[in-house]
Amino acid sequence: MQKNEILSDLSRYREEFILGHSNTACLLIHGFGCGPIQMRELAEKLSQWGFTARGILLPGHCKNMGGYSSTAHHDWIAKVESEYHQLKRVYREVVVIGFSLGALLTLQLSIRYSPEKIILMGTPLYLLRKYLPVPLAIRICKNFMKKVKTRQRRCYMESEGYTGYLRQPVDTHFSIPALYGLTEIMNVVNTGLQEVRSPALVIHSKKDLLAAPASAQHVMRHLGSDYKRLVWLERSHHLVMYDKEKDRVFRAIKEFVTDA
């Protein structure tokens, strides 16, 4: 494929994977509306650093989400817990790494269980702005709307399997009921942050226009972990793994996961 080509085959986006061989496994959880490919470049880095990297597909993703139900979040939670327990049966340690929705699911998991370490990127505890009632608007809209138009976003990816532009793999619409499920996870996480005990690395950009930067401050203030570190990015937007400071993101993750 040419370097500037857009990957349009959605089957590539939804492929789950496991890379590397180690006593420590990293469970990677992608964001809303995308798939495992979103975490692939980071997974390859983790494999190079001596870890096993498992990329999973959240149910219902990598296809048009226009009709997705309001109970979808229960399937997401069940998938993450199932994958975590499978890894715990095989590997000595499990590190859980989540981006956006994946970060919320990482926290949801950590409230009930205690992974050895967790990494949270672009955690959307506040959507758009801290005091903007977006979750309330979504709850109201779900009573008379089923879907909302989305525009395609692209990011440049360099991995062993693919080099080029990823698009957001949703055909035309996001599901309002599925977005409602996301707000339900936000509520659970907000009330349970103090119960999280896993060492945590929080990565967030001050220019994030989707997950308000106040989200990271809220996590750091209320997380129950004895060790928690916040890495602020200055020039990136929401998709921090593919933006201007991705080298810094990878370096911070490497330091965190390799630190005994």
Foldseek 3Di string as FASTA:
>chain_A
DDQADEDQPLVVFADKDKAADALEEEEEAEAPQTYQVLCQALQVLCRVLHYIYTTHGQPPHLEAALQPALCSLVSRLVVVVVVVVVSVVPHVFYEYEYAALGLLSVLVVLLVPAGQEYEYALHALDFQDNPDPPLVVLVVVLVPGFWDFDDKDWFFDDDPVDGHIYIRSHDTIHTSSVVNNSVVSSVVSLVRQLSRAHAYEYEYECAARTRHPVVSVSSVVRHNYPHYYYDYDYPFYRSCCGDPCVVVVSVVVSCVVPPD
